[in-house]
Protein backbone atom coordinates (compact mmCIF):
# COMPACT_ATOMS: atom_id res chain seq x y z
CA MET A 1 50.30 -63.19 -31.54
CA ILE A 2 47.07 -65.10 -31.35
CA HIS A 3 48.29 -67.45 -34.01
CA TRP A 4 51.37 -68.23 -32.03
CA TRP A 5 49.27 -68.74 -28.89
CA ARG A 6 46.85 -71.16 -30.85
CA ILE A 7 49.83 -73.23 -32.30
CA ARG A 8 51.13 -73.71 -28.67
CA ASN A 9 47.62 -74.75 -27.47
CA ASN A 10 46.91 -77.22 -30.07
CA TRP A 11 44.89 -74.85 -32.19
CA LYS A 12 42.40 -74.21 -29.40
CA LYS A 13 40.19 -71.25 -29.94
CA PRO A 14 40.62 -68.92 -26.90
CA ASP A 15 37.73 -68.84 -24.38
CA ALA A 16 36.90 -66.74 -21.24
CA ASN A 17 39.56 -68.73 -19.24
CA ASP A 18 42.30 -67.67 -21.58
CA LEU A 19 41.44 -63.88 -21.71
CA ASN A 20 43.69 -62.75 -18.83
CA LYS A 21 46.69 -64.86 -20.30
CA LEU A 22 46.12 -63.35 -23.73
CA LYS A 23 45.73 -59.72 -22.41
CA LYS A 24 48.92 -60.24 -20.35
CA ILE A 25 50.90 -61.40 -23.64
CA LEU A 26 49.45 -58.32 -25.47
CA LYS A 27 50.37 -55.73 -22.77
CA ASN A 28 53.77 -57.20 -21.53
CA ASN A 29 55.48 -58.73 -24.49
CA ILE A 30 55.02 -56.25 -27.23
CA PHE A 31 57.69 -53.52 -27.27
CA GLY A 32 58.53 -50.79 -29.74
CA VAL A 33 58.95 -47.09 -30.26
CA ASP A 34 57.57 -44.88 -32.97
CA MET A 35 57.85 -41.15 -33.64
CA TYR A 36 54.09 -40.82 -33.81
CA GLU A 37 51.98 -41.70 -30.71
CA GLU A 38 49.12 -42.49 -33.18
CA ALA A 39 51.04 -45.12 -34.69
CA VAL A 40 51.63 -46.92 -31.42
CA ARG A 41 47.91 -46.64 -30.74
CA LEU A 42 46.93 -47.90 -34.06
CA THR A 43 49.26 -50.82 -33.52
CA PHE A 44 47.84 -51.62 -30.10
CA PHE A 45 44.17 -51.26 -31.54
CA SER A 46 45.06 -53.78 -34.24
CA LEU A 47 46.34 -56.37 -31.97
CA SER A 48 43.39 -55.90 -29.58
CA LEU A 49 41.09 -56.54 -32.75
CA ALA A 50 43.14 -59.71 -33.68
CA LEU A 51 42.39 -61.02 -30.05
CA LEU A 52 38.68 -60.12 -30.38
CA ASP A 53 38.47 -61.65 -33.68
CA GLU A 54 39.35 -65.09 -32.24
CA LEU A 55 36.70 -64.87 -29.52
CA SER A 56 33.09 -65.96 -29.91
CA PRO A 57 30.40 -63.36 -29.62
CA LYS A 58 29.17 -65.00 -26.53
CA VAL A 59 32.49 -64.85 -24.85
CA ILE A 60 32.76 -61.19 -25.78
CA TRP A 61 29.52 -60.25 -24.42
CA GLU A 62 30.02 -62.15 -21.14
CA ASN A 63 33.26 -60.55 -20.52
CA LEU A 64 32.95 -56.98 -21.72
CA ASN A 65 34.31 -55.51 -18.57
CA ASN A 66 37.27 -57.82 -18.56
CA LEU A 67 38.10 -57.03 -22.26
CA ILE A 68 38.91 -53.27 -21.78
CA LEU A 69 42.63 -53.12 -22.63
CA THR A 70 44.59 -49.78 -22.16
CA LEU A 71 48.12 -48.83 -23.18
């Protein structure tokens, strides 16, 4: 997801201005079903970590309240 976003944005690293757009992509464009709720939560957690991995520590720290993602 993040890799695709970076390709479409000339390999730009996401910053604070991109957080809401990326969170919206994560929440509204990932679909699936699994027998086990834990599997769904693990996938959501993994995608959330991928988003955080692309952000600088400063952006994460300054946007802690805005980074909270829920299923």
